[in-house]
């Protein structure tokens, strides 16, 4: 599957370069947009914060749920996905108004967290269920602390799940248009909200360019995070 996706993106990249060289496509309509800089800044901030919160809360919740498996726990975690987000956005907007963060960066982060965190919790929970249950006892037996257990034991074992969570969170976060526009009130521009009108264009080259930009952003985020995780794993394992 990874090879197919990689091959598909390479073909799309080559086709984009060919169109650009032949003068059939240009990125000027994006670069000339006055809000592109602000949209990129908000997109990076929202995605980075959403990824960080997914990793932190997903790890802790997944570890806790894996210790005592209960059906109602899973239902409660997946409840935000069972209920359509579009159907509850009005109530969410009212709740954000009551706590004073409507049309604000953190409001958009919270709504993105709502549609991504259930996946992260389930991924980490399933990974913890596969690991040896006696790891905490063994760490304590050798006088290790909780920090030692998480950094030197769990982190190398969870690196694959961590990368999956990062990529999945990035894809979901960057693909959100309706909830970002609604909760952000049009005051929090992102690359998705900026390119969405172009995706509805009848011009094939504009649509192709918009899709290419979105896929490229997802790929860059995934590549950067994979490098960070790999480097961190090598640094941690070098102390063992």
Protein backbone atom coordinates (compact mmCIF):
# COMPACT_ATOMS: atom_id res chain seq x y z
CA UNK A 1 0.00 0.00 0.00
CA UNK A 2 2.82 2.40 0.88
CA UNK A 3 4.53 1.68 -2.43
CA UNK A 4 1.30 2.29 -4.34
CA UNK A 5 0.74 5.63 -2.58
CA UNK A 6 4.37 6.62 -3.13
CA UNK A 7 4.20 5.70 -6.82
CA UNK A 8 0.90 7.59 -7.24
CA UNK A 9 2.36 10.73 -5.68
CA UNK A 10 5.51 10.52 -7.83
CA UNK A 11 3.33 10.28 -10.96
CA UNK A 12 1.28 13.26 -9.77
CA UNK A 13 4.49 15.22 -9.11
CA UNK A 14 5.89 14.43 -12.57
CA UNK A 15 2.57 15.38 -14.18
CA UNK A 16 2.54 18.66 -12.24
CA UNK A 17 6.09 19.48 -13.34
CA UNK A 18 5.18 18.67 -16.96
CA UNK A 19 2.16 20.98 -16.83
CA UNK A 20 4.22 23.72 -15.20
CA UNK A 21 7.02 23.47 -17.81
CA UNK A 22 4.51 23.60 -20.66
CA UNK A 23 2.88 26.70 -19.21
CA UNK A 24 -0.48 25.01 -18.65
CA UNK A 25 -0.44 25.45 -14.90
CA UNK A 26 0.80 28.08 -12.47
CA UNK A 27 0.87 28.51 -8.73
CA UNK A 28 0.43 32.30 -9.02
CA UNK A 29 -3.26 32.21 -8.04
CA UNK A 30 -2.19 30.82 -4.64
CA UNK A 31 0.93 32.90 -4.12
CA UNK A 32 -0.87 36.13 -5.06
CA UNK A 33 -3.57 35.57 -2.45
CA UNK A 34 -2.93 38.16 0.31
CA UNK A 35 -3.96 35.76 3.07
CA UNK A 36 -1.67 32.87 2.06
CA UNK A 37 0.96 33.76 4.67
CA UNK A 38 -1.57 33.97 7.50
CA UNK A 39 -3.27 30.77 6.31
CA UNK A 40 0.02 28.87 6.31
CA UNK A 41 0.85 30.15 9.80
CA UNK A 42 -2.53 29.13 11.23
CA UNK A 43 -2.40 25.76 9.45
CA UNK A 44 1.01 24.89 10.89
CA UNK A 45 0.01 26.05 14.38
CA UNK A 46 -3.33 24.22 14.39
CA UNK A 47 -1.85 20.99 13.00
CA UNK A 48 1.17 21.05 15.33
CA UNK A 49 -0.94 21.71 18.44
CA UNK A 50 -3.50 19.09 17.43
CA UNK A 51 -0.75 16.48 16.89
CA UNK A 52 0.87 17.29 20.25
CA UNK A 53 -2.41 17.03 22.17
CA UNK A 54 -3.33 13.80 20.36
CA UNK A 55 -0.02 12.22 21.32
CA UNK A 56 -0.22 13.32 24.97
CA UNK A 57 -3.86 12.55 25.68
CA UNK A 58 -3.97 9.57 23.31
CA UNK A 59 -1.03 7.91 25.06
CA UNK A 60 -2.38 8.45 28.57
CA UNK A 61 -5.97 7.48 27.71
CA UNK A 62 -4.87 4.48 25.62
CA UNK A 63 -2.62 3.22 28.41
CA UNK A 64 -5.38 3.60 31.00
CA UNK A 65 -8.06 1.92 28.84
CA UNK A 66 -5.74 -0.98 27.98
CA UNK A 67 -5.36 -1.81 31.67
CA UNK A 68 -9.10 -2.42 32.14
CA UNK A 69 -10.95 -3.19 28.91
CA UNK A 70 -14.62 -2.27 29.09
CA UNK A 71 -17.12 -2.06 26.24
CA UNK A 72 -18.69 1.14 27.52
CA UNK A 73 -15.23 2.73 27.61
CA UNK A 74 -14.88 2.16 23.87
CA UNK A 75 -18.38 3.49 23.21
CA UNK A 76 -17.64 6.62 25.24
CA UNK A 77 -14.35 7.21 23.40
CA UNK A 78 -15.92 6.73 19.96
CA UNK A 79 -19.03 8.78 20.78
CA UNK A 80 -17.71 11.94 19.02
CA UNK A 81 -17.40 9.86 15.84
CA UNK A 82 -20.83 8.25 16.22
CA UNK A 83 -22.52 11.65 16.48
CA UNK A 84 -22.08 13.72 13.28
CA UNK A 85 -19.93 16.75 14.09
CA UNK A 86 -21.93 18.92 11.70
CA UNK A 87 -25.09 18.15 13.70
CA UNK A 88 -23.62 19.34 17.00
CA UNK A 89 -21.60 22.32 15.76
CA UNK A 90 -24.29 24.79 16.87
CA UNK A 91 -24.10 23.53 20.44
CA UNK A 92 -20.30 23.52 20.28
CA UNK A 93 -20.30 27.12 19.11
CA UNK A 94 -22.54 28.05 22.07
CA UNK A 95 -20.28 26.16 24.48
CA UNK A 96 -17.20 27.93 23.10
CA UNK A 97 -19.04 31.24 23.45
CA UNK A 98 -19.72 30.53 27.12
CA UNK A 99 -16.03 29.84 27.83
CA UNK A 100 -14.94 32.82 25.77
CA UNK A 101 -13.03 31.27 22.86
CA UNK A 102 -15.32 31.46 19.80
CA UNK A 103 -13.65 32.51 16.55
CA UNK A 104 -10.32 31.75 18.21
CA UNK A 105 -7.36 29.52 17.45
CA UNK A 106 -7.97 27.30 20.49
CA UNK A 107 -11.62 26.85 19.51
CA UNK A 108 -10.54 25.44 16.14
CA UNK A 109 -7.95 23.23 17.87
CA UNK A 110 -10.63 21.84 20.21
CA UNK A 111 -12.96 20.94 17.34
CA UNK A 112 -10.07 19.30 15.45
CA UNK A 113 -9.20 17.42 18.62
CA UNK A 114 -12.77 16.16 18.81
CA UNK A 115 -12.55 14.45 15.41
CA UNK A 116 -8.98 13.11 15.81
CA UNK A 117 -8.50 12.11 19.45
CA UNK A 118 -10.82 9.04 19.37
CA UNK A 119 -8.67 7.49 16.63
CA UNK A 120 -5.46 8.23 18.54
CA UNK A 121 -6.81 6.70 21.75
CA UNK A 122 -7.88 3.52 19.96
CA UNK A 123 -4.54 3.17 18.13
CA UNK A 124 -2.49 3.54 21.32
CA UNK A 125 -4.89 1.33 23.29
CA UNK A 126 -4.59 -1.49 20.75
CA UNK A 127 -0.79 -1.19 20.81
CA UNK A 128 -0.68 -1.30 24.62
CA UNK A 129 -2.86 -4.42 24.54
CA UNK A 130 -0.22 -6.11 22.35
CA UNK A 131 2.63 -5.29 24.75
CA UNK A 132 3.66 -7.33 27.75
CA UNK A 133 1.48 -6.47 30.75
CA UNK A 134 4.38 -6.96 33.17
CA UNK A 135 6.54 -4.13 31.79
CA UNK A 136 5.73 -1.67 34.65
CA UNK A 137 6.50 -4.37 37.24
CA UNK A 138 9.82 -5.21 35.59
CA UNK A 139 10.82 -1.54 35.47
CA UNK A 140 10.03 -1.13 39.18
CA UNK A 141 11.91 -4.36 39.92
CA UNK A 142 15.07 -2.81 38.46
CA UNK A 143 14.48 0.43 40.41
CA UNK A 144 13.37 2.33 37.34
CA UNK A 145 11.11 5.38 37.50
CA UNK A 146 7.98 6.10 35.49
CA UNK A 147 9.99 8.50 33.34
CA UNK A 148 12.46 5.71 32.57
CA UNK A 149 9.62 3.36 31.65
CA UNK A 150 7.99 5.83 29.24
CA UNK A 151 11.17 7.14 27.63
CA UNK A 152 13.40 4.05 27.40
CA UNK A 153 10.82 1.24 27.20
CA UNK A 154 7.50 2.43 25.85
CA UNK A 155 8.75 5.07 23.40
CA UNK A 156 10.80 2.66 21.19
CA UNK A 157 7.96 0.13 21.29
CA UNK A 158 5.32 2.73 20.42
CA UNK A 159 7.23 4.57 17.68
CA UNK A 160 5.25 2.88 14.90
CA UNK A 161 1.90 3.70 16.49
CA UNK A 162 3.14 7.22 17.20
CA UNK A 163 3.91 7.78 13.52
CA UNK A 164 0.49 6.36 12.54
CA UNK A 165 -1.23 8.79 14.93
CA UNK A 166 0.78 11.72 13.56
CA UNK A 167 -0.04 10.95 9.93
CA UNK A 168 -3.72 10.23 10.62
CA UNK A 169 -4.08 13.41 12.69
CA UNK A 170 -2.39 15.46 9.98
CA UNK A 171 -4.63 14.10 7.24
CA UNK A 172 -7.84 14.64 9.23
CA UNK A 173 -6.83 18.10 10.49
CA UNK A 174 -5.79 19.40 7.08
CA UNK A 175 -8.96 18.05 5.45
CA UNK A 176 -11.39 19.88 7.75
CA UNK A 177 -13.15 22.73 5.98
CA UNK A 178 -16.72 23.01 7.31
CA UNK A 179 -15.96 22.81 11.03
CA UNK A 180 -12.90 25.06 10.71
CA UNK A 181 -14.88 27.73 8.85
CA UNK A 182 -17.85 27.47 11.24
CA UNK A 183 -15.99 27.42 14.57
CA UNK A 184 -13.34 29.86 13.33
CA UNK A 185 -16.05 32.23 12.12
CA UNK A 186 -14.02 33.01 9.01
CA UNK A 187 -11.39 34.72 11.19
CA UNK A 188 -9.05 31.71 11.32
CA UNK A 189 -7.92 31.09 7.74
CA UNK A 190 -6.19 27.81 6.90
CA UNK A 191 -4.83 26.40 3.67
CA UNK A 192 -7.93 24.19 3.39
CA UNK A 193 -10.38 27.10 3.74
CA UNK A 194 -8.22 29.10 1.33
CA UNK A 195 -8.14 26.40 -1.35
CA UNK A 196 -11.70 25.10 -0.97
CA UNK A 197 -13.22 27.63 -3.43
CA UNK A 198 -10.55 26.67 -5.97
CA UNK A 199 -11.45 22.98 -5.55
CA UNK A 200 -14.95 23.85 -6.81
CA UNK A 201 -13.55 25.56 -9.90
CA UNK A 202 -14.33 24.26 -13.37
CA UNK A 203 -10.69 24.83 -14.34
CA UNK A 204 -8.91 21.46 -14.21
CA UNK A 205 -5.46 22.97 -13.69
CA UNK A 206 -6.57 25.05 -10.71
CA UNK A 207 -8.22 22.01 -9.09
CA UNK A 208 -5.14 19.88 -9.77
CA UNK A 209 -2.83 22.51 -8.26
CA UNK A 210 -5.02 22.85 -5.16
CA UNK A 211 -5.09 19.09 -4.57
CA UNK A 212 -1.34 18.89 -5.16
CA UNK A 213 -0.67 21.62 -2.57
CA UNK A 214 -2.80 19.88 0.06
CA UNK A 215 -1.21 16.46 -0.56
CA UNK A 216 2.27 18.03 -0.50
CA UNK A 217 1.57 19.67 2.87
CA UNK A 218 0.44 16.34 4.31
CA UNK A 219 3.56 14.66 2.92
CA UNK A 220 5.87 17.33 4.36
CA UNK A 221 4.27 17.06 7.81
CA UNK A 222 4.51 13.26 7.70
CA UNK A 223 8.15 13.32 6.52
CA UNK A 224 9.25 15.84 9.16
CA UNK A 225 7.54 13.93 11.96
CA UNK A 226 8.97 10.60 10.76
CA UNK A 227 12.47 12.09 10.84
CA UNK A 228 11.91 13.54 14.32
CA UNK A 229 10.57 10.22 15.64
CA UNK A 230 13.44 8.24 14.04
CA UNK A 231 16.09 10.60 15.40
CA UNK A 232 14.51 10.60 18.87
CA UNK A 233 14.33 6.79 18.85
CA UNK A 234 18.01 6.51 17.91
CA UNK A 235 18.99 8.99 20.63
CA UNK A 236 16.95 7.14 23.26
CA UNK A 237 18.20 3.67 22.28
CA UNK A 238 21.81 4.90 22.25
CA UNK A 239 21.61 5.30 26.05
CA UNK A 240 20.54 1.69 26.55
